Amino acid sequence: MKKRIVVALGHKALGTTLPEQKSAVKRSAEVLADIVEEGYQLAVCHSNAPQVGMIHTAMNEFGKKHPDYTEAPMSVCSAMSQGYIGYDLQNALQTALLKRGIYKGACTVLTQVTVDPYDEAFYHPIKVIGRYMTAEEADAEEKKGNYCIEEPGKGFRRIVAAPKPKEIVEIQAIRALLDADQVVIAAGGGGIPVLKQGMELKGASAIIEKDYASGRLAEMVDADILLILTKDENLWLNYETEKAVALHEVTVDEVKKMIADNEFPKASKLPKVQAAVDFIEEKKGSGRKAVITDLAHAMDALAGKTGTIITE
């Protein structure tokens, strides 16, 4: 039986602008192809932070200038970002695999992820989205039920909630593709957040944290490894201080104590670490592990030579 791995690609692995993304995904695809060549069944999740912001701004500005067109809700912007990032990524990965004589498909699954309408995150939105606005524009947004925050000296920006992922709607299709030994790109940008309303799914005005969605995906496909790629080779305690210590091999219990002691920045490292802990604890005794490192050291980290490796 092949081992199954879910890889979470961060912003650094994707770039920001269209030309940057084209170049970045080619580098990322080579590493992903290395993982496939090692014999893993691979599912890929990715960030979409700059891309979804660009889409949101473009669509909404277009809607304001052209009354015949409507502004795009966050769920639609998330779907669009999944599509165009997935397009570049699957093409680059397909090419990288073919060059190695590996004849298997790489495909993007447009993925919806359910969230709890009573999640506390909806009462405390934190994710900044879109361009800077004037006070009058921000007031108009809030009258529509949206939230805005002021950045002194710059203006106002819209903020949206970041609820935790519950269920991945298209999980059966994702499992089927992995069982067929195909490469799957899924839950991009954390997935399209949706709310269950009877028999229907309604888009939510939110952004799901990519790391939590990656962890949930890894749980639901019963992966052996969750590999989270970020900008640093290791996780650190006392990061960028004289007392900085790189973490290499740590247990879940050790990491949980570090979380309780507020050792990890809430906006950046904490979601990665918490996702890793949740993934391992969801199926205790299975031998699952999580690896956190950067793109350049992915293969060495999988071999246990570097990176932060979290085990039960």
Protein backbone atom coordinates (compact mmCIF):
# COMPACT_ATOMS: atom_id res chain seq x y z
CA MET A 1 0.00 0.00 0.00
CA LYS A 2 1.29 3.43 -0.92
CA LYS A 3 1.52 6.05 1.78
CA ARG A 4 -0.89 8.94 1.38
CA ILE A 5 0.23 12.54 1.90
CA VAL A 6 -1.52 15.90 1.91
CA VAL A 7 0.73 18.85 1.07
CA ALA A 8 -0.26 22.40 2.03
CA LEU A 9 1.40 25.01 -0.19
CA GLY A 10 1.84 28.48 1.29
CA HIS A 11 1.98 31.87 -0.39
CA LYS A 12 5.71 31.58 -1.14
CA ALA A 13 5.03 28.53 -3.30
CA LEU A 14 2.53 30.39 -5.49
CA GLY A 15 3.69 33.97 -5.95
CA THR A 16 1.38 36.98 -6.12
CA THR A 17 0.95 38.37 -9.63
CA LEU A 18 0.07 36.28 -12.69
CA PRO A 19 3.68 36.13 -14.01
CA GLU A 20 5.00 35.37 -10.50
CA GLN A 21 2.48 32.57 -10.12
CA LYS A 22 3.43 30.98 -13.45
CA SER A 23 7.07 30.88 -12.36
CA ALA A 24 6.41 29.86 -8.75
CA VAL A 25 4.14 26.91 -9.54
CA LYS A 26 6.81 25.43 -11.82
CA ARG A 27 9.24 25.32 -8.88
CA SER A 28 6.54 23.93 -6.59
CA ALA A 29 5.54 21.32 -9.16
CA GLU A 30 9.08 19.91 -9.23
CA VAL A 31 8.96 19.27 -5.48
CA LEU A 32 5.48 17.76 -5.74
CA ALA A 33 6.73 15.52 -8.55
CA ASP A 34 9.61 14.44 -6.28
CA ILE A 35 7.02 13.34 -3.72
CA VAL A 36 5.06 11.36 -6.30
CA GLU A 37 8.27 9.79 -7.57
CA GLU A 38 8.97 8.60 -4.03
CA GLY A 39 5.77 6.56 -4.26
CA TYR A 40 3.27 8.67 -2.33
CA GLN A 41 -0.39 9.17 -3.21
CA LEU A 42 -0.63 12.96 -3.27
CA ALA A 43 -3.31 15.51 -2.51
CA VAL A 44 -2.41 19.21 -2.63
CA CYS A 45 -4.04 22.13 -0.86
CA HIS A 46 -2.85 25.69 -1.42
CA SER A 47 -3.07 29.26 -0.20
CA ASN A 48 -4.96 31.95 -2.13
CA ALA A 49 -4.45 35.06 0.02
CA PRO A 50 -3.20 37.57 -2.58
CA GLN A 51 -5.15 35.97 -5.42
CA VAL A 52 -8.57 36.06 -3.80
CA GLY A 53 -7.96 39.66 -2.72
CA MET A 54 -7.09 40.61 -6.29
CA ILE A 55 -10.22 38.90 -7.63
CA HIS A 56 -12.46 40.46 -4.97
CA THR A 57 -11.14 43.94 -5.70
CA ALA A 58 -11.35 43.55 -9.48
CA MET A 59 -14.88 42.14 -9.51
CA ASN A 60 -16.29 44.64 -7.05
CA GLU A 61 -14.66 47.65 -8.68
CA PHE A 62 -16.01 46.50 -12.05
CA GLY A 63 -19.48 46.11 -10.55
CA LYS A 64 -19.40 49.64 -9.14
CA LYS A 65 -18.48 51.19 -12.49
CA HIS A 66 -20.89 49.07 -14.54
CA PRO A 67 -24.40 49.05 -13.00
CA ASP A 68 -25.50 46.16 -15.22
CA TYR A 69 -23.06 43.85 -13.40
CA THR A 70 -23.27 42.79 -9.76
CA GLU A 71 -20.45 42.70 -7.25
CA ALA A 72 -19.04 39.23 -6.51
CA PRO A 73 -19.59 37.61 -3.08
CA MET A 74 -16.63 36.10 -1.24
CA SER A 75 -17.70 32.54 -2.04
CA VAL A 76 -17.59 33.28 -5.78
CA CYS A 77 -14.17 34.95 -5.44
CA SER A 78 -12.89 31.87 -3.59
CA ALA A 79 -14.19 29.62 -6.36
CA MET A 80 -12.50 31.73 -9.02
CA SER A 81 -9.19 31.66 -7.17
CA GLN A 82 -9.36 27.86 -6.87
CA GLY A 83 -9.92 27.62 -10.60
CA TYR A 84 -7.08 29.77 -11.84
CA ILE A 85 -4.48 28.65 -9.28
CA GLY A 86 -5.47 25.04 -9.89
CA TYR A 87 -5.18 25.55 -13.65
CA ASP A 88 -1.56 26.74 -13.40
CA LEU A 89 -0.62 24.20 -10.76
CA GLN A 90 -2.09 21.13 -12.44
CA ASN A 91 -0.52 22.04 -15.78
CA ALA A 92 2.91 22.57 -14.22
CA LEU A 93 2.61 19.35 -12.23
CA GLN A 94 1.45 17.35 -15.24
CA THR A 95 4.50 18.56 -17.18
CA ALA A 96 6.88 17.77 -14.32
CA LEU A 97 5.49 14.24 -14.02
CA LEU A 98 5.63 13.55 -17.76
CA LYS A 99 9.26 14.65 -17.93
CA ARG A 100 10.02 11.92 -15.38
CA GLY A 101 8.07 9.29 -17.28
CA ILE A 102 5.24 9.28 -14.74
CA TYR A 103 1.96 8.94 -16.63
CA LYS A 104 -0.79 9.90 -14.22
CA GLY A 105 -3.26 12.74 -14.11
CA ALA A 106 -3.26 15.86 -11.96
CA CYS A 107 -6.63 17.51 -11.58
CA THR A 108 -8.26 20.29 -9.59
CA VAL A 109 -11.47 19.59 -7.71
CA LEU A 110 -13.56 22.70 -7.10
CA THR A 111 -14.09 22.18 -3.39
CA GLN A 112 -16.78 23.40 -1.03
CA VAL A 113 -16.23 23.23 2.72
CA THR A 114 -19.05 23.55 5.23
CA VAL A 115 -18.73 25.87 8.21
CA ASP A 116 -20.82 26.27 11.35
CA PRO A 117 -23.11 29.34 11.15
CA TYR A 118 -22.66 29.72 14.91
CA ASP A 119 -18.86 29.64 14.78
CA GLU A 120 -17.52 32.39 17.04
CA ALA A 121 -15.40 33.60 14.13
CA PHE A 122 -18.47 35.18 12.52
CA TYR A 123 -18.72 37.51 15.51
CA HIS A 124 -15.02 38.41 15.38
CA PRO A 125 -13.92 38.79 11.72
CA ILE A 126 -10.15 39.10 11.28
CA LYS A 127 -9.25 38.50 7.62
CA VAL A 128 -8.57 41.73 5.70
CA ILE A 129 -9.79 41.73 2.10
CA GLY A 130 -9.96 44.19 -0.79
CA ARG A 131 -8.66 47.70 -1.39
CA TYR A 132 -8.53 50.71 0.93
CA MET A 133 -11.80 52.67 1.13
CA THR A 134 -12.89 56.09 2.27
CA ALA A 135 -14.99 56.50 5.40
CA GLU A 136 -18.10 56.98 3.22
CA GLU A 137 -17.42 53.78 1.29
CA ALA A 138 -16.79 51.86 4.51
CA ASP A 139 -20.06 53.15 5.95
CA ALA A 140 -21.88 51.92 2.83
CA GLU A 141 -20.29 48.49 3.24
CA GLU A 142 -21.37 48.26 6.87
CA LYS A 143 -24.93 49.22 5.96
CA LYS A 144 -24.91 46.12 3.73
CA GLY A 145 -23.97 44.01 6.77
CA ASN A 146 -20.24 43.82 6.14
CA TYR A 147 -17.47 44.66 8.60
CA CYS A 148 -14.72 47.24 8.05
CA ILE A 149 -11.64 48.25 9.99
CA GLU A 150 -9.62 51.45 9.86
CA GLU A 151 -5.88 51.42 9.29
CA PRO A 152 -4.64 54.82 10.50
CA GLY A 153 -3.29 56.96 7.72
CA LYS A 154 -4.35 54.53 5.01
CA GLY A 155 -8.13 54.26 5.11
CA PHE A 156 -10.68 51.52 5.73
CA ARG A 157 -10.68 47.90 4.58
CA ARG A 158 -13.26 45.17 4.70
CA ILE A 159 -12.70 42.25 7.08
CA VAL A 160 -14.34 38.84 6.95
CA ALA A 161 -14.64 35.88 9.30
CA ALA A 162 -12.29 32.89 9.33
CA PRO A 163 -14.43 29.99 10.62
CA LYS A 164 -13.09 26.47 11.16
CA PRO A 165 -13.79 23.90 8.41
CA LYS A 166 -16.33 21.18 9.20
CA GLU A 167 -16.89 18.84 6.24
CA ILE A 168 -15.46 18.73 2.70
CA VAL A 169 -18.44 18.38 0.39
CA GLU A 170 -16.61 16.75 -2.53
CA ILE A 171 -14.67 14.29 -0.35
CA GLN A 172 -15.98 11.18 -2.12
CA ALA A 173 -14.65 12.39 -5.47
CA ILE A 174 -11.31 13.28 -3.89
CA ARG A 175 -11.02 9.85 -2.27
CA ALA A 176 -11.90 8.12 -5.55
CA LEU A 177 -9.15 9.99 -7.39
CA LEU A 178 -6.58 9.18 -4.71
CA ASP A 179 -7.64 5.52 -4.68
CA ALA A 180 -7.02 5.55 -8.45
CA ASP A 181 -3.50 6.89 -7.72
CA GLN A 182 -4.19 10.25 -9.34
CA VAL A 183 -2.82 13.57 -8.02
CA VAL A 184 -5.55 15.78 -6.61
CA ILE A 185 -5.55 19.54 -5.99
CA ALA A 186 -8.38 20.25 -3.56
CA ALA A 187 -9.66 22.67 -0.92
CA GLY A 188 -7.62 25.47 -2.49
CA GLY A 189 -7.54 28.61 -0.39
CA GLY A 190 -9.19 26.65 2.42
CA GLY A 191 -12.13 25.73 0.21
CA ILE A 192 -15.27 27.65 -0.73
CA PRO A 193 -17.01 28.27 2.61
CA VAL A 194 -20.66 27.18 2.51
CA LEU A 195 -23.53 26.93 4.97
CA LYS A 196 -26.05 24.10 4.94
CA GLN A 197 -29.62 25.36 4.53
CA GLY A 198 -31.91 22.39 4.17
CA MET A 199 -31.03 20.61 0.93
CA GLU A 200 -28.99 23.57 -0.33
CA LEU A 201 -25.51 24.94 0.23
CA LYS A 202 -25.22 28.72 0.47
CA GLY A 203 -21.93 30.61 0.10
CA ALA A 204 -20.68 32.21 3.31
CA SER A 205 -19.01 35.62 3.54
CA ALA A 206 -15.83 34.19 4.98
CA ILE A 207 -12.36 32.81 4.31
CA ILE A 208 -11.27 29.45 5.70
CA GLU A 209 -7.70 29.22 6.94
CA LYS A 210 -5.81 27.06 4.42
CA ASP A 211 -3.88 25.15 7.09
CA TYR A 212 -7.02 24.07 8.93
CA ALA A 213 -8.61 22.97 5.66
CA SER A 214 -5.45 21.02 4.77
CA GLY A 215 -5.57 19.25 8.12
CA ARG A 216 -9.25 18.46 7.69
CA LEU A 217 -8.59 17.14 4.18
CA ALA A 218 -5.79 14.94 5.52
CA GLU A 219 -8.12 13.57 8.18
CA MET A 220 -10.94 12.84 5.73
CA VAL A 221 -8.74 11.01 3.19
CA ASP A 222 -6.96 9.14 6.02
CA ALA A 223 -3.52 10.43 5.06
CA ASP A 224 -0.36 9.15 6.71
CA ILE A 225 1.46 12.50 6.53
CA LEU A 226 0.45 16.15 6.57
CA LEU A 227 3.23 18.26 5.04
CA ILE A 228 2.82 22.00 5.59
CA LEU A 229 5.17 24.13 3.51
CA THR A 230 5.85 27.62 4.80
CA LYS A 231 8.65 30.19 4.60
CA ASP A 232 10.96 28.72 7.28
CA GLU A 233 12.92 25.48 7.37
CA ASN A 234 11.80 24.84 10.96
CA LEU A 235 9.37 26.06 13.56
CA TRP A 236 11.12 28.11 16.21
CA LEU A 237 10.64 29.00 19.83
CA ASN A 238 11.50 32.63 20.63
CA TYR A 239 11.65 33.33 16.91
CA GLU A 240 14.12 36.04 15.79
CA THR A 241 15.49 36.57 19.31
CA GLU A 242 18.79 35.68 20.95
CA LYS A 243 17.03 32.74 22.64
CA ALA A 244 15.68 31.28 19.37
CA VAL A 245 15.54 27.48 19.30
CA ALA A 246 14.69 25.42 16.21
CA LEU A 247 12.21 22.59 16.76
CA HIS A 248 13.04 19.32 15.04
CA GLU A 249 11.35 16.24 16.53
CA VAL A 250 8.50 16.97 18.95
CA THR A 251 5.46 15.12 20.23
CA VAL A 252 1.87 16.28 20.17
CA ASP A 253 1.85 16.71 23.94
CA GLU A 254 4.95 18.90 23.78
CA VAL A 255 3.41 21.02 21.04
CA LYS A 256 0.11 21.37 22.95
CA LYS A 257 2.04 22.76 25.92
CA MET A 258 3.79 25.24 23.61
CA ILE A 259 0.40 26.32 22.26
CA ALA A 260 -0.91 26.80 25.81
CA ASP A 261 2.17 28.92 26.56
CA ASN A 262 1.45 31.13 23.48
CA GLU A 263 4.73 30.20 21.81
CA PHE A 264 3.38 30.54 18.27
CA PRO A 265 2.13 33.74 16.54
CA LYS A 266 -1.66 33.49 16.19
CA ALA A 267 -1.89 34.90 12.68
CA SER A 268 0.86 32.81 11.09
CA LYS A 269 2.29 29.75 12.86
CA LEU A 270 -0.52 28.79 15.22
CA PRO A 271 -2.94 27.55 12.51
CA LYS A 272 -0.21 25.31 11.09
CA VAL A 273 0.67 23.84 14.46
CA GLN A 274 -2.94 23.39 15.56
CA ALA A 275 -3.85 21.73 12.24
CA ALA A 276 -0.95 19.31 12.73
CA VAL A 277 -2.06 18.45 16.27
CA ASP A 278 -5.70 17.94 15.23
CA PHE A 279 -4.66 15.69 12.33
CA ILE A 280 -2.55 13.40 14.51
CA GLU A 281 -5.02 13.26 17.40
CA GLU A 282 -7.98 12.50 15.14
CA LYS A 283 -6.68 8.93 14.76
CA LYS A 284 -4.41 8.10 17.67
CA GLY A 285 -2.18 5.06 17.36
CA SER A 286 -2.14 5.16 13.55
CA GLY A 287 1.44 6.37 13.20
CA ARG A 288 0.41 9.63 11.56
CA LYS A 289 2.90 12.49 11.52
CA ALA A 290 2.97 16.13 10.48
CA VAL A 291 5.97 17.86 8.94
CA ILE A 292 6.41 21.64 8.80
CA THR A 293 9.21 23.09 6.66
CA ASP A 294 9.87 25.19 3.56
CA LEU A 295 9.61 24.17 -0.09
CA ALA A 296 13.37 23.85 -0.58
CA HIS A 297 13.73 21.32 2.25
CA ALA A 298 10.53 19.32 1.68
CA MET A 299 12.20 16.06 0.64
CA ASP A 300 14.87 16.24 3.35
CA ALA A 301 12.17 16.91 5.93
CA LEU A 302 10.15 13.90 4.75
CA ALA A 303 13.32 11.85 5.19
CA GLY A 304 13.65 13.15 8.75
CA LYS A 305 16.80 15.16 8.10
CA THR A 306 15.41 18.62 8.82
CA GLY A 307 12.16 20.52 9.35
CA THR A 308 9.84 20.20 12.33
CA ILE A 309 8.40 16.70 12.68
CA ILE A 310 5.41 16.23 14.97
CA THR A 311 4.47 12.72 16.05
CA GLU A 312 2.15 11.15 18.59
